[in-house]
Amino acid sequence: MADRPLADWEYPDEPDYDDDETDVVVCSACGAEVYEDAVSCPVCGEYVTPSTDAWSGRPTWWVVLGLVGVVATAAALAL
Protein backbone atom coordinates (compact mmCIF):
# COMPACT_ATOMS: atom_id res chain seq x y z
CA MET A 1 0.00 0.00 0.00
CA ALA A 2 2.94 2.36 0.62
CA ASP A 3 4.20 1.99 -2.98
CA ARG A 4 1.07 3.31 -4.64
CA PRO A 5 1.00 6.92 -5.90
CA LEU A 6 -1.13 9.42 -4.03
CA ALA A 7 -4.50 10.44 -5.40
CA ASP A 8 -5.14 14.11 -6.15
CA TRP A 9 -7.29 14.54 -3.05
CA GLU A 10 -4.49 13.15 -0.82
CA TYR A 11 -2.02 15.95 -1.61
CA PRO A 12 -1.97 18.86 0.86
CA ASP A 13 -3.42 22.18 -0.22
CA GLU A 14 -0.98 24.89 -1.36
CA PRO A 15 -1.31 27.01 1.83
CA ASP A 16 -0.25 23.97 3.88
CA TYR A 17 3.21 24.02 2.35
CA ASP A 18 4.36 27.31 3.86
CA ASP A 19 3.20 26.71 7.44
CA ASP A 20 6.80 26.19 8.57
CA GLU A 21 8.08 29.46 7.11
CA THR A 22 8.44 32.36 9.52
CA ASP A 23 8.50 35.96 8.38
CA VAL A 24 11.67 37.94 8.93
CA VAL A 25 12.28 41.65 9.38
CA VAL A 26 15.45 43.67 8.98
CA CYS A 27 17.16 44.92 12.15
CA SER A 28 17.21 48.72 12.11
CA ALA A 29 20.60 48.82 13.85
CA CYS A 30 22.73 46.30 11.94
CA GLY A 31 20.60 45.24 8.95
CA ALA A 32 20.57 41.53 9.81
CA GLU A 33 17.48 39.46 9.11
CA VAL A 34 15.64 38.72 12.36
CA TYR A 35 12.61 36.51 12.91
CA GLU A 36 9.49 38.62 13.24
CA ASP A 37 8.68 37.11 16.65
CA ALA A 38 12.14 37.84 18.12
CA VAL A 39 12.43 40.35 20.95
CA SER A 40 16.01 41.37 20.16
CA CYS A 41 18.45 40.96 17.27
CA PRO A 42 20.69 37.92 17.75
CA VAL A 43 23.57 39.71 15.96
CA CYS A 44 23.75 43.10 17.70
CA GLY A 45 21.35 42.64 20.64
CA GLU A 46 19.26 45.70 19.70
CA TYR A 47 15.56 45.41 20.54
CA VAL A 48 13.36 44.77 17.52
CA THR A 49 10.30 46.99 17.54
CA PRO A 50 7.69 47.15 14.82
CA SER A 51 7.81 50.46 13.03
CA THR A 52 4.52 52.32 12.76
CA ASP A 53 6.06 55.43 11.20
CA ALA A 54 5.01 55.85 7.57
CA TRP A 55 8.34 57.48 6.68
CA SER A 56 10.67 54.89 8.18
CA GLY A 57 12.59 52.77 5.72
CA ARG A 58 11.79 55.08 2.83
CA PRO A 59 14.56 56.62 0.73
CA THR A 60 14.97 60.39 0.97
CA TRP A 61 13.88 60.96 -2.64
CA TRP A 62 10.61 59.16 -1.90
CA VAL A 63 9.88 61.41 1.08
CA VAL A 64 10.73 64.57 -0.89
CA LEU A 65 8.60 63.44 -3.82
CA GLY A 66 5.68 62.78 -1.49
CA LEU A 67 5.96 66.19 0.14
CA VAL A 68 6.19 67.90 -3.25
CA GLY A 69 3.05 66.05 -4.32
CA VAL A 70 1.16 67.19 -1.22
CA VAL A 71 2.23 70.81 -1.73
CA ALA A 72 1.31 70.67 -5.45
CA THR A 73 -2.12 69.26 -4.63
CA ALA A 74 -2.74 71.91 -1.99
CA ALA A 75 -1.66 74.64 -4.43
CA ALA A 76 -3.93 73.27 -7.16
CA LEU A 77 -6.91 73.18 -4.81
CA ALA A 78 -6.22 76.73 -3.61
CA LEU A 79 -6.56 78.15 -7.14
C-alpha atoms as a PDB file:
ATOM      1  CA  MET A   1       0.000   0.000   0.000  1.00  0.00           C
ATOM      2  CA  ALA A   2       2.937   2.362   0.624  1.00  0.00           C
ATOM      3  CA  ASP A   3       4.195   1.986  -2.976  1.00  0.00           C
ATOM      4  CA  ARG A   4       1.074   3.305  -4.644  1.00  0.00           C
ATOM      5  CA  PRO A   5       0.999   6.916  -5.904  1.00  0.00           C
ATOM      6  CA  LEU A   6      -1.125   9.422  -4.027  1.00  0.00           C
ATOM      7  CA  ALA A   7      -4.497  10.441  -5.399  1.00  0.00           C
ATOM      8  CA  ASP A   8      -5.135  14.109  -6.147  1.00  0.00           C
ATOM      9  CA  TRP A   9      -7.291  14.541  -3.050  1.00  0.00           C
ATOM     10  CA  GLU A  10      -4.491  13.149  -0.815  1.00  0.00           C
ATOM     11  CA  TYR A  11      -2.022  15.951  -1.605  1.00  0.00           C
ATOM     12  CA  PRO A  12      -1.974  18.857   0.859  1.00  0.00           C
ATOM     13  CA  ASP A  13      -3.418  22.178  -0.222  1.00  0.00           C
ATOM     14  CA  GLU A  14      -0.982  24.889  -1.363  1.00  0.00           C
ATOM     15  CA  PRO A  15      -1.309  27.006   1.834  1.00  0.00           C
ATOM     16  CA  ASP A  16      -0.251  23.970   3.885  1.00  0.00           C
ATOM     17  CA  TYR A  17       3.213  24.015   2.346  1.00  0.00           C
ATOM     18  CA  ASP A  18       4.360  27.309   3.860  1.00  0.00           C
ATOM     19  CA  ASP A  19       3.203  26.713   7.436  1.00  0.00           C
ATOM     20  CA  ASP A  20       6.796  26.192   8.575  1.00  0.00           C
ATOM     21  CA  GLU A  21       8.082  29.456   7.112  1.00  0.00           C
ATOM     22  CA  THR A  22       8.438  32.361   9.521  1.00  0.00           C
ATOM     23  CA  ASP A  23       8.497  35.962   8.380  1.00  0.00           C
ATOM     24  CA  VAL A  24      11.673  37.935   8.930  1.00  0.00           C
ATOM     25  CA  VAL A  25      12.277  41.647   9.382  1.00  0.00           C
ATOM     26  CA  VAL A  26      15.453  43.674   8.982  1.00  0.00           C
ATOM     27  CA  CYS A  27      17.163  44.924  12.147  1.00  0.00           C
ATOM     28  CA  SER A  28      17.211  48.721  12.106  1.00  0.00           C
ATOM     29  CA  ALA A  29      20.596  48.823  13.850  1.00  0.00           C
ATOM     30  CA  CYS A  30      22.733  46.295  11.942  1.00  0.00           C
ATOM     31  CA  GLY A  31      20.602  45.241   8.947  1.00  0.00           C
ATOM     32  CA  ALA A  32      20.569  41.530   9.813  1.00  0.00           C
ATOM     33  CA  GLU A  33      17.479  39.461   9.105  1.00  0.00           C
ATOM     34  CA  VAL A  34      15.643  38.717  12.357  1.00  0.00           C
ATOM     35  CA  TYR A  35      12.610  36.510  12.912  1.00  0.00           C
ATOM     36  CA  GLU A  36       9.490  38.622  13.236  1.00  0.00           C
ATOM     37  CA  ASP A  37       8.679  37.113  16.646  1.00  0.00           C
ATOM     38  CA  ALA A  38      12.137  37.837  18.121  1.00  0.00           C
ATOM     39  CA  VAL A  39      12.427  40.350  20.948  1.00  0.00           C
ATOM     40  CA  SER A  40      16.005  41.365  20.158  1.00  0.00           C
ATOM     41  CA  CYS A  41      18.445  40.963  17.269  1.00  0.00           C
ATOM     42  CA  PRO A  42      20.695  37.919  17.751  1.00  0.00           C
ATOM     43  CA  VAL A  43      23.573  39.709  15.964  1.00  0.00           C
ATOM     44  CA  CYS A  44      23.754  43.097  17.703  1.00  0.00           C
ATOM     45  CA  GLY A  45      21.350  42.643  20.644  1.00  0.00           C
ATOM     46  CA  GLU A  46      19.257  45.697  19.701  1.00  0.00           C
ATOM     47  CA  TYR A  47      15.560  45.405  20.541  1.00  0.00           C
ATOM     48  CA  VAL A  48      13.357  44.770  17.525  1.00  0.00           C
ATOM     49  CA  THR A  49      10.303  46.987  17.540  1.00  0.00           C
ATOM     50  CA  PRO A  50       7.693  47.147  14.819  1.00  0.00           C
ATOM     51  CA  SER A  51       7.810  50.464  13.029  1.00  0.00           C
ATOM     52  CA  THR A  52       4.524  52.319  12.761  1.00  0.00           C
ATOM     53  CA  ASP A  53       6.062  55.425  11.201  1.00  0.00           C
ATOM     54  CA  ALA A  54       5.006  55.846   7.573  1.00  0.00           C
ATOM     55  CA  TRP A  55       8.336  57.482   6.681  1.00  0.00           C
ATOM     56  CA  SER A  56      10.669  54.886   8.179  1.00  0.00           C
ATOM     57  CA  GLY A  57      12.588  52.774   5.721  1.00  0.00           C
ATOM     58  CA  ARG A  58      11.794  55.080   2.827  1.00  0.00           C
ATOM     59  CA  PRO A  59      14.559  56.622   0.728  1.00  0.00           C
ATOM     60  CA  THR A  60      14.975  60.394   0.967  1.00  0.00           C
ATOM     61  CA  TRP A  61      13.881  60.960  -2.636  1.00  0.00           C
ATOM     62  CA  TRP A  62      10.607  59.162  -1.900  1.00  0.00           C
ATOM     63  CA  VAL A  63       9.877  61.409   1.085  1.00  0.00           C
ATOM     64  CA  VAL A  64      10.734  64.569  -0.887  1.00  0.00           C
ATOM     65  CA  LEU A  65       8.601  63.442  -3.820  1.00  0.00           C
ATOM     66  CA  GLY A  66       5.679  62.779  -1.486  1.00  0.00           C
ATOM     67  CA  LEU A  67       5.963  66.185   0.145  1.00  0.00           C
ATOM     68  CA  VAL A  68       6.191  67.899  -3.251  1.00  0.00           C
ATOM     69  CA  GLY A  69       3.052  66.048  -4.323  1.00  0.00           C
ATOM     70  CA  VAL A  70       1.160  67.187  -1.222  1.00  0.00           C
ATOM     71  CA  VAL A  71       2.234  70.813  -1.731  1.00  0.00           C
ATOM     72  CA  ALA A  72       1.306  70.673  -5.447  1.00  0.00           C
ATOM     73  CA  THR A  73      -2.116  69.255  -4.634  1.00  0.00           C
ATOM     74  CA  ALA A  74      -2.740  71.915  -1.985  1.00  0.00           C
ATOM     75  CA  ALA A  75      -1.657  74.637  -4.428  1.00  0.00           C
ATOM     76  CA  ALA A  76      -3.931  73.270  -7.164  1.00  0.00           C
ATOM     77  CA  LEU A  77      -6.912  73.176  -4.806  1.00  0.00           C
ATOM     78  CA  ALA A  78      -6.218  76.726  -3.613  1.00  0.00           C
ATOM     79  CA  LEU A  79      -6.562  78.147  -7.137  1.00  0.00           C
END
